[in-house]
C-alpha atoms as a PDB file:
ATOM      1  CA  MET A   1       5.854   3.116  22.178  1.00  0.00           C
ATOM      2  CA  ASN A   2       2.659   5.137  22.237  1.00  0.00           C
ATOM      3  CA  ILE A   3       1.834   6.330  18.723  1.00  0.00           C
ATOM      4  CA  ASP A   4      -0.579   9.253  18.836  1.00  0.00           C
ATOM      5  CA  LEU A   5      -1.739  10.767  15.553  1.00  0.00           C
ATOM      6  CA  SER A   6      -4.632  12.728  16.987  1.00  0.00           C
ATOM      7  CA  GLY A   7      -5.358  15.794  14.913  1.00  0.00           C
ATOM      8  CA  LYS A   8      -3.791  14.304  11.776  1.00  0.00           C
ATOM      9  CA  THR A   9      -5.817  13.397   8.687  1.00  0.00           C
ATOM     10  CA  ALA A  10      -4.756  10.216   6.912  1.00  0.00           C
ATOM     11  CA  LEU A  11      -5.859   9.048   3.464  1.00  0.00           C
ATOM     12  CA  VAL A  12      -5.386   5.391   2.570  1.00  0.00           C
ATOM     13  CA  THR A  13      -6.107   4.627  -1.079  1.00  0.00           C
ATOM     14  CA  GLY A  14      -7.500   1.221  -1.996  1.00  0.00           C
ATOM     15  CA  SER A  15      -8.564   0.642   1.593  1.00  0.00           C
ATOM     16  CA  THR A  16     -11.900  -1.149   1.362  1.00  0.00           C
ATOM     17  CA  ALA A  17     -10.144  -4.476   1.980  1.00  0.00           C
ATOM     18  CA  GLY A  18      -6.785  -6.180   2.423  1.00  0.00           C
ATOM     19  CA  ILE A  19      -3.594  -4.403   3.420  1.00  0.00           C
ATOM     20  CA  GLY A  20      -5.174  -0.988   2.885  1.00  0.00           C
ATOM     21  CA  HIS A  21      -8.034  -1.709   5.273  1.00  0.00           C
ATOM     22  CA  ALA A  22      -5.614  -3.046   7.897  1.00  0.00           C
ATOM     23  CA  ILE A  23      -3.518   0.132   7.570  1.00  0.00           C
ATOM     24  CA  ALA A  24      -6.616   2.280   7.955  1.00  0.00           C
ATOM     25  CA  LYS A  25      -7.591   0.319  11.061  1.00  0.00           C
ATOM     26  CA  GLY A  26      -4.121   0.762  12.540  1.00  0.00           C
ATOM     27  CA  LEU A  27      -4.112   4.496  11.876  1.00  0.00           C
ATOM     28  CA  ALA A  28      -7.623   4.911  13.291  1.00  0.00           C
ATOM     29  CA  ALA A  29      -6.477   3.218  16.493  1.00  0.00           C
ATOM     30  CA  THR A  30      -3.805   5.916  16.900  1.00  0.00           C
ATOM     31  CA  GLY A  31      -6.412   8.681  16.874  1.00  0.00           C
ATOM     32  CA  ALA A  32      -5.929   9.831  13.278  1.00  0.00           C
ATOM     33  CA  ASP A  33      -8.893  11.038  11.249  1.00  0.00           C
ATOM     34  CA  VAL A  34      -8.873   8.276   8.626  1.00  0.00           C
ATOM     35  CA  VAL A  35     -10.316   8.547   5.129  1.00  0.00           C
ATOM     36  CA  LEU A  36     -11.010   5.280   3.348  1.00  0.00           C
ATOM     37  CA  ASN A  37     -11.014   5.107  -0.428  1.00  0.00           C
ATOM     38  CA  GLY A  38     -12.285   2.717  -3.047  1.00  0.00           C
ATOM     39  CA  ARG A  39     -13.800   2.822  -6.511  1.00  0.00           C
ATOM     40  CA  THR A  40     -17.460   2.408  -5.585  1.00  0.00           C
ATOM     41  CA  LYS A  41     -19.608   4.088  -2.963  1.00  0.00           C
ATOM     42  CA  ALA A  42     -21.120   0.773  -1.890  1.00  0.00           C
ATOM     43  CA  LYS A  43     -17.740  -0.751  -1.064  1.00  0.00           C
ATOM     44  CA  VAL A  44     -16.511   2.408   0.634  1.00  0.00           C
ATOM     45  CA  ASP A  45     -19.648   2.685   2.764  1.00  0.00           C
ATOM     46  CA  ALA A  46     -19.377  -0.970   3.770  1.00  0.00           C
ATOM     47  CA  ALA A  47     -15.696  -0.552   4.667  1.00  0.00           C
ATOM     48  CA  VAL A  48     -16.402   2.565   6.733  1.00  0.00           C
ATOM     49  CA  ALA A  49     -19.156   0.720   8.618  1.00  0.00           C
ATOM     50  CA  ALA A  50     -16.865  -2.258   9.245  1.00  0.00           C
ATOM     51  CA  LEU A  51     -14.014  -0.079  10.473  1.00  0.00           C
ATOM     52  CA  ALA A  52     -16.333   1.886  12.744  1.00  0.00           C
ATOM     53  CA  LYS A  53     -17.176  -1.405  14.471  1.00  0.00           C
ATOM     54  CA  GLU A  54     -13.530  -2.496  14.635  1.00  0.00           C
ATOM     55  CA  VAL A  55     -12.368   0.818  16.121  1.00  0.00           C
ATOM     56  CA  PRO A  56     -15.465   2.177  17.931  1.00  0.00           C
ATOM     57  CA  ASP A  57     -13.741   5.372  19.047  1.00  0.00           C
ATOM     58  CA  GLY A  58     -12.087   5.955  15.679  1.00  0.00           C
ATOM     59  CA  LYS A  59     -12.724   8.863  13.334  1.00  0.00           C
ATOM     60  CA  VAL A  60     -13.486   7.279   9.975  1.00  0.00           C
ATOM     61  CA  ARG A  61     -15.041   8.515   6.757  1.00  0.00           C
ATOM     62  CA  GLY A  62     -14.837   7.552   3.110  1.00  0.00           C
ATOM     63  CA  VAL A  63     -14.470   8.962  -0.386  1.00  0.00           C
ATOM     64  CA  ALA A  64     -15.381   6.889  -3.437  1.00  0.00           C
ATOM     65  CA  ALA A  65     -13.057   7.679  -6.351  1.00  0.00           C
ATOM     66  CA  ASP A  66     -11.107   5.672  -8.910  1.00  0.00           C
ATOM     67  CA  VAL A  67      -7.550   6.845  -8.310  1.00  0.00           C
ATOM     68  CA  SER A  68      -6.299   4.931 -11.360  1.00  0.00           C
ATOM     69  CA  THR A  69      -7.504   7.842 -13.498  1.00  0.00           C
ATOM     70  CA  ALA A  70      -6.690  11.549 -13.499  1.00  0.00           C
ATOM     71  CA  ALA A  71     -10.404  12.352 -13.225  1.00  0.00           C
ATOM     72  CA  GLY A  72     -10.768  10.049 -10.229  1.00  0.00           C
ATOM     73  CA  CYS A  73      -7.832  11.687  -8.461  1.00  0.00           C
ATOM     74  CA  GLN A  74      -9.346  15.100  -9.111  1.00  0.00           C
ATOM     75  CA  ALA A  75     -12.654  13.943  -7.614  1.00  0.00           C
ATOM     76  CA  LEU A  76     -10.843  12.696  -4.526  1.00  0.00           C
ATOM     77  CA  LEU A  77      -8.905  15.952  -4.189  1.00  0.00           C
ATOM     78  CA  ALA A  78     -12.104  17.975  -4.500  1.00  0.00           C
ATOM     79  CA  ALA A  79     -13.576  16.028  -1.585  1.00  0.00           C
ATOM     80  CA  LEU A  80     -10.361  16.046   0.447  1.00  0.00           C
ATOM     81  CA  PRO A  81      -8.155  19.048  -0.376  1.00  0.00           C
ATOM     82  CA  GLU A  82      -5.541  18.443   2.343  1.00  0.00           C
ATOM     83  CA  VAL A  83      -4.116  15.485   4.247  1.00  0.00           C
ATOM     84  CA  ASP A  84      -1.272  15.053   6.708  1.00  0.00           C
ATOM     85  CA  ILE A  85      -0.638  11.392   5.889  1.00  0.00           C
ATOM     86  CA  LEU A  86      -0.950   9.886   2.415  1.00  0.00           C
ATOM     87  CA  ILE A  87      -0.734   6.119   2.077  1.00  0.00           C
ATOM     88  CA  ASN A  88      -0.483   5.174  -1.608  1.00  0.00           C
ATOM     89  CA  ASN A  89      -1.792   1.642  -1.320  1.00  0.00           C
ATOM     90  CA  ALA A  90      -4.082   1.267  -4.359  1.00  0.00           C
ATOM     91  CA  GLY A  91      -2.676  -1.365  -6.677  1.00  0.00           C
ATOM     92  CA  ILE A  92      -3.325  -4.386  -8.844  1.00  0.00           C
ATOM     93  CA  PHE A  93      -1.431  -7.565  -9.687  1.00  0.00           C
ATOM     94  CA  GLU A  94      -1.954 -10.420 -12.108  1.00  0.00           C
ATOM     95  CA  PRO A  95       0.246 -13.418 -12.886  1.00  0.00           C
ATOM     96  CA  LYS A  96       0.808 -13.441 -16.647  1.00  0.00           C
ATOM     97  CA  GLY A  97       3.705 -14.545 -18.827  1.00  0.00           C
ATOM     98  CA  PHE A  98       5.732 -11.757 -20.406  1.00  0.00           C
ATOM     99  CA  LEU A  99       4.911 -12.818 -23.969  1.00  0.00           C
ATOM    100  CA  ASP A 100       1.196 -12.682 -23.155  1.00  0.00           C
ATOM    101  CA  ILE A 101       1.171  -9.154 -21.697  1.00  0.00           C
ATOM    102  CA  PRO A 102      -0.270  -6.684 -24.247  1.00  0.00           C
ATOM    103  CA  ASP A 103       0.597  -2.998 -24.344  1.00  0.00           C
ATOM    104  CA  GLU A 104      -2.675  -2.021 -22.701  1.00  0.00           C
ATOM    105  CA  ASP A 105      -1.848  -4.123 -19.633  1.00  0.00           C
ATOM    106  CA  TRP A 106       1.490  -2.366 -19.207  1.00  0.00           C
ATOM    107  CA  SER A 107      -0.299   0.981 -19.389  1.00  0.00           C
ATOM    108  CA  ARG A 108      -3.077  -0.111 -17.027  1.00  0.00           C
ATOM    109  CA  PHE A 109      -0.658  -1.368 -14.381  1.00  0.00           C
ATOM    110  CA  PHE A 110       1.384   1.830 -14.591  1.00  0.00           C
ATOM    111  CA  GLU A 111      -1.701   4.030 -14.257  1.00  0.00           C
ATOM    112  CA  VAL A 112      -3.054   2.155 -11.232  1.00  0.00           C
ATOM    113  CA  ASN A 113       0.133   1.319  -9.357  1.00  0.00           C
ATOM    114  CA  VAL A 114       2.319   4.323 -10.148  1.00  0.00           C
ATOM    115  CA  MET A 115       0.376   7.297 -11.468  1.00  0.00           C
ATOM    116  CA  SER A 116      -2.234   7.175  -8.698  1.00  0.00           C
ATOM    117  CA  GLY A 117       0.498   7.864  -6.166  1.00  0.00           C
ATOM    118  CA  VAL A 118       2.247  10.388  -8.397  1.00  0.00           C
ATOM    119  CA  ARG A 119      -0.907  12.450  -8.877  1.00  0.00           C
ATOM    120  CA  LEU A 120      -1.896  12.440  -5.213  1.00  0.00           C
ATOM    121  CA  ALA A 121       1.617  13.168  -3.948  1.00  0.00           C
ATOM    122  CA  ARG A 122       1.882  16.060  -6.403  1.00  0.00           C
ATOM    123  CA  ALA A 123      -1.319  17.507  -4.974  1.00  0.00           C
ATOM    124  CA  TYR A 124      -0.723  16.904  -1.262  1.00  0.00           C
ATOM    125  CA  LEU A 125       3.036  17.397  -0.858  1.00  0.00           C
ATOM    126  CA  PRO A 126       2.994  21.220  -1.203  1.00  0.00           C
ATOM    127  CA  GLY A 127       0.588  21.551   1.738  1.00  0.00           C
ATOM    128  CA  MET A 128       2.693  19.228   3.873  1.00  0.00           C
ATOM    129  CA  LEU A 129       5.803  21.281   3.131  1.00  0.00           C
ATOM    130  CA  LYS A 130       3.963  24.505   3.917  1.00  0.00           C
ATOM    131  CA  ARG A 131       2.744  23.125   7.263  1.00  0.00           C
ATOM    132  CA  ASN A 132       6.180  21.536   7.845  1.00  0.00           C
ATOM    133  CA  TRP A 133       4.784  18.113   8.723  1.00  0.00           C
ATOM    134  CA  GLY A 134       3.594  15.196   6.672  1.00  0.00           C
ATOM    135  CA  ARG A 135       4.026  11.558   5.769  1.00  0.00           C
ATOM    136  CA  ILE A 136       3.813   9.943   2.335  1.00  0.00           C
ATOM    137  CA  VAL A 137       4.134   6.165   2.152  1.00  0.00           C
ATOM    138  CA  PHE A 138       4.144   4.095  -1.022  1.00  0.00           C
ATOM    139  CA  ILE A 139       3.120   0.458  -0.567  1.00  0.00           C
ATOM    140  CA  SER A 140       5.595  -1.209  -2.895  1.00  0.00           C
ATOM    141  CA  SER A 141       6.632  -4.886  -2.771  1.00  0.00           C
ATOM    142  CA  GLU A 142       9.607  -7.192  -2.555  1.00  0.00           C
ATOM    143  CA  SER A 143       8.817  -7.687  -6.241  1.00  0.00           C
ATOM    144  CA  ALA A 144      10.368  -4.249  -6.755  1.00  0.00           C
ATOM    145  CA  LEU A 145      13.765  -5.853  -6.141  1.00  0.00           C
ATOM    146  CA  ASN A 146      13.046  -9.503  -6.964  1.00  0.00           C
ATOM    147  CA  ILE A 147      11.206  -8.997 -10.249  1.00  0.00           C
ATOM    148  CA  PRO A 148       8.839 -11.981 -10.591  1.00  0.00           C
ATOM    149  CA  LYS A 149       9.085 -13.701 -13.959  1.00  0.00           C
ATOM    150  CA  GLU A 150       5.380 -14.533 -13.741  1.00  0.00           C
ATOM    151  CA  MET A 151       4.366 -10.849 -13.597  1.00  0.00           C
ATOM    152  CA  ILE A 152       7.144  -8.611 -14.857  1.00  0.00           C
ATOM    153  CA  HIS A 153       4.718  -5.748 -15.492  1.00  0.00           C
ATOM    154  CA  TYR A 154       3.789  -5.735 -11.806  1.00  0.00           C
ATOM    155  CA  GLY A 155       7.416  -5.792 -10.701  1.00  0.00           C
ATOM    156  CA  MET A 156       8.185  -2.889 -13.006  1.00  0.00           C
ATOM    157  CA  THR A 157       5.559  -0.714 -11.318  1.00  0.00           C
ATOM    158  CA  LYS A 158       6.793  -1.599  -7.845  1.00  0.00           C
ATOM    159  CA  THR A 159      10.349  -0.598  -8.782  1.00  0.00           C
ATOM    160  CA  ALA A 160       8.997   2.649 -10.214  1.00  0.00           C
ATOM    161  CA  GLN A 161       7.328   3.396  -6.882  1.00  0.00           C
ATOM    162  CA  LEU A 162      10.688   3.164  -5.118  1.00  0.00           C
ATOM    163  CA  ALA A 163      12.183   5.653  -7.558  1.00  0.00           C
ATOM    164  CA  VAL A 164       9.308   8.098  -7.176  1.00  0.00           C
ATOM    165  CA  ALA A 165       9.352   7.874  -3.379  1.00  0.00           C
ATOM    166  CA  ARG A 166      13.088   8.419  -3.148  1.00  0.00           C
ATOM    167  CA  GLY A 167      12.938  11.369  -5.529  1.00  0.00           C
ATOM    168  CA  LEU A 168      10.115  12.974  -3.559  1.00  0.00           C
ATOM    169  CA  ALA A 169      12.048  12.479  -0.329  1.00  0.00           C
ATOM    170  CA  GLU A 170      14.814  14.657  -1.769  1.00  0.00           C
ATOM    171  CA  MET A 171      12.274  17.486  -1.977  1.00  0.00           C
ATOM    172  CA  THR A 172      11.684  17.329   1.796  1.00  0.00           C
ATOM    173  CA  ARG A 173      15.266  18.102   2.824  1.00  0.00           C
ATOM    174  CA  GLY A 174      15.394  20.040   6.100  1.00  0.00           C
ATOM    175  CA  THR A 175      11.671  19.692   6.806  1.00  0.00           C
ATOM    176  CA  ALA A 176       9.517  17.496   9.049  1.00  0.00           C
ATOM    177  CA  VAL A 177       7.955  15.817   6.000  1.00  0.00           C
ATOM    178  CA  THR A 178       9.033  12.278   5.085  1.00  0.00           C
ATOM    179  CA  VAL A 179       8.470  10.052   2.067  1.00  0.00           C
ATOM    180  CA  ASN A 180       9.132   6.332   2.336  1.00  0.00           C
ATOM    181  CA  SER A 181       8.230   3.008   0.763  1.00  0.00           C
ATOM    182  CA  VAL A 182       7.190  -0.202   2.502  1.00  0.00           C
ATOM    183  CA  LEU A 183       7.934  -3.504   0.763  1.00  0.00           C
ATOM    184  CA  PRO A 184       5.615  -6.354   1.776  1.00  0.00           C
ATOM    185  CA  GLY A 185       6.251  -9.901   0.655  1.00  0.00           C
ATOM    186  CA  PRO A 186       3.513 -12.477   0.025  1.00  0.00           C
ATOM    187  CA  THR A 187       0.652 -11.327   2.215  1.00  0.00           C
ATOM    188  CA  MET A 188      -2.662 -13.042   2.837  1.00  0.00           C
ATOM    189  CA  SER A 189      -4.967 -10.255   1.709  1.00  0.00           C
ATOM    190  CA  GLU A 190      -8.350 -10.968   0.150  1.00  0.00           C
ATOM    191  CA  GLY A 191      -7.007 -10.787  -3.402  1.00  0.00           C
ATOM    192  CA  VAL A 192      -4.091 -13.078  -2.649  1.00  0.00           C
ATOM    193  CA  GLU A 193      -6.350 -15.469  -0.770  1.00  0.00           C
ATOM    194  CA  THR A 194      -8.465 -15.814  -3.916  1.00  0.00           C
ATOM    195  CA  PHE A 195      -5.298 -16.469  -5.927  1.00  0.00           C
ATOM    196  CA  VAL A 196      -4.171 -19.157  -3.455  1.00  0.00           C
ATOM    197  CA  LYS A 197      -7.608 -20.792  -3.454  1.00  0.00           C
ATOM    198  CA  ASP A 198      -7.436 -20.997  -7.250  1.00  0.00           C
ATOM    199  CA  LEU A 199      -4.019 -22.653  -6.994  1.00  0.00           C
ATOM    200  CA  ALA A 200      -5.406 -25.113  -4.445  1.00  0.00           C
ATOM    201  CA  ARG A 201      -8.270 -26.090  -6.756  1.00  0.00           C
ATOM    202  CA  GLN A 202      -5.966 -26.441  -9.753  1.00  0.00           C
ATOM    203  CA  ASN A 203      -3.547 -28.701  -7.879  1.00  0.00           C
ATOM    204  CA  GLY A 204      -6.002 -30.635  -5.705  1.00  0.00           C
ATOM    205  CA  GLN A 205      -4.556 -29.197  -2.496  1.00  0.00           C
ATOM    206  CA  SER A 206      -5.852 -27.551   0.634  1.00  0.00           C
ATOM    207  CA  VAL A 207      -5.503 -23.787   0.851  1.00  0.00           C
ATOM    208  CA  GLU A 208      -2.863 -24.224   3.544  1.00  0.00           C
ATOM    209  CA  GLU A 209      -0.854 -26.616   1.362  1.00  0.00           C
ATOM    210  CA  ALA A 210      -1.109 -24.338  -1.647  1.00  0.00           C
ATOM    211  CA  ALA A 211       0.061 -21.336   0.389  1.00  0.00           C
ATOM    212  CA  ALA A 212       3.013 -23.223   1.847  1.00  0.00           C
ATOM    213  CA  ASN A 213       3.998 -24.626  -1.551  1.00  0.00           C
ATOM    214  CA  PHE A 214       3.796 -21.190  -3.181  1.00  0.00           C
ATOM    215  CA  VAL A 215       6.270 -19.755  -0.699  1.00  0.00           C
ATOM    216  CA  LYS A 216       8.613 -22.742  -1.046  1.00  0.00           C
ATOM    217  CA  GLN A 217       8.499 -22.747  -4.856  1.00  0.00           C
ATOM    218  CA  HIS A 218       8.305 -19.049  -5.688  1.00  0.00           C
ATOM    219  CA  ARG A 219       9.913 -17.372  -2.660  1.00  0.00           C
ATOM    220  CA  PRO A 220      12.359 -20.046  -1.446  1.00  0.00           C
ATOM    221  CA  SER A 221      14.634 -17.515   0.266  1.00  0.00           C
ATOM    222  CA  SER A 222      11.859 -16.505   2.685  1.00  0.00           C
ATOM    223  CA  LEU A 223      12.933 -16.636   6.307  1.00  0.00           C
ATOM    224  CA  LEU A 224       9.323 -16.309   7.435  1.00  0.00           C
ATOM    225  CA  GLN A 225       8.336 -19.396   5.390  1.00  0.00           C
ATOM    226  CA  ARG A 226       4.700 -18.330   5.260  1.00  0.00           C
ATOM    227  CA  PHE A 227       2.445 -15.568   4.018  1.00  0.00           C
ATOM    228  CA  ALA A 228       2.442 -12.484   6.243  1.00  0.00           C
ATOM    229  CA  SER A 229      -0.804 -11.196   7.693  1.00  0.00           C
ATOM    230  CA  VAL A 230      -2.184  -7.838   6.625  1.00  0.00           C
ATOM    231  CA  GLU A 231      -1.810  -6.671  10.234  1.00  0.00           C
ATOM    232  CA  GLU A 232       1.926  -7.341  10.148  1.00  0.00           C
ATOM    233  CA  ILE A 233       2.323  -5.067   7.141  1.00  0.00           C
ATOM    234  CA  ALA A 234       0.041  -2.423   8.654  1.00  0.00           C
ATOM    235  CA  SER A 235       2.188  -2.243  11.790  1.00  0.00           C
ATOM    236  CA  MET A 236       5.198  -1.142   9.749  1.00  0.00           C
ATOM    237  CA  VAL A 237       3.131   1.452   7.879  1.00  0.00           C
ATOM    238  CA  VAL A 238       1.617   2.888  11.065  1.00  0.00           C
ATOM    239  CA  TYR A 239       5.088   3.287  12.552  1.00  0.00           C
ATOM    240  CA  VAL A 240       6.548   5.049   9.509  1.00  0.00           C
ATOM    241  CA  SER A 241       3.499   7.336   9.532  1.00  0.00           C
ATOM    242  CA  SER A 242       4.114   8.288  13.140  1.00  0.00           C
ATOM    243  CA  LYS A 243       5.821  11.262  14.723  1.00  0.00           C
ATOM    244  CA  GLN A 244       8.374   8.840  16.187  1.00  0.00           C
ATOM    245  CA  ALA A 245       9.591   7.934  12.666  1.00  0.00           C
ATOM    246  CA  SER A 246      10.906  11.462  12.073  1.00  0.00           C
ATOM    247  CA  ALA A 247      14.432  10.281  11.172  1.00  0.00           C
ATOM    248  CA  THR A 248      13.229   7.725   8.621  1.00  0.00           C
ATOM    249  CA  ASN A 249      13.095   9.396   5.219  1.00  0.00           C
ATOM    250  CA  GLY A 250      13.795   8.246   1.679  1.00  0.00           C
ATOM    251  CA  ALA A 251      13.865   4.642   2.865  1.00  0.00           C
ATOM    252  CA  ALA A 252      12.613   1.404   1.349  1.00  0.00           C
ATOM    253  CA  LEU A 253      11.471  -0.501   4.430  1.00  0.00           C
ATOM    254  CA  ARG A 254      11.237  -4.255   4.110  1.00  0.00           C
ATOM    255  CA  ALA A 255       8.362  -6.211   5.621  1.00  0.00           C
ATOM    256  CA  GLU A 256       8.845  -9.191   3.293  1.00  0.00           C
ATOM    257  CA  GLY A 257       9.897 -11.907   5.694  1.00  0.00           C
ATOM    258  CA  GLY A 258      13.554 -11.976   4.672  1.00  0.00           C
ATOM    259  CA  ILE A 259      13.007 -12.933   1.029  1.00  0.00           C
ATOM    260  CA  ILE A 260      15.460 -10.316  -0.195  1.00  0.00           C
ATOM    261  CA  GLN A 261      18.954 -11.610   0.508  1.00  0.00           C
ATOM    262  CA  THR A 262      21.011  -8.487  -0.196  1.00  0.00           C
ATOM    263  CA  ILE A 263      21.871  -6.177   2.693  1.00  0.00           C
ATOM    264  CA  ALA A 264      21.788  -2.928   0.705  1.00  0.00           C
END
């Protein structure tokens, strides 16, 4: 399958590292004009430079804006009024017991993980509908369906993303615009790698042992039996962003290694 997104502009939020950067790299390789996003200009500039080396023929630029706030989203929209592909990847996670999660953490997680995508979709969807082509993808998580007891606030936001994406998909009926979610499982991004290294230090293990034990203890139903790579998640996102994925709409696409055991 030859995915060609030449002439399409793609915005990937939270793309200076991790899954977001891998998605941006994958989209750039298809010929899309890719816009990287992060909170600081220094990180965005560094990510743009790195991606330009990884995909020498790619069209890559960056916009620094904190999409966790309404003001940040407005700044991003001022710099980039229209896109053809919106990847809502910006997000945070933090293991914390339910009884220790204060109100402000619930609000912060909702603003970053949910409202960033809501605000940007609200701004970009009308143009996609008018042009009769577009892709919106929410990067959710298997935690949307298997709510983790160690971070219920995170799981709540991932479930909310599924609801928003499905509702938006209903607005695209009869058009060539699609809205979908992708659900990664444990993925070895930079943030997760730091988390695993901390576990390794705490338990006197190697990073490899800590990663394997995490999957066995916390995601025992995994068929993959390991952390996924960021490239494996990006491949799913690039496909659902493609012209070939025209019949995939309103879907929650699993890339979680078989952790979720239900078939619906």
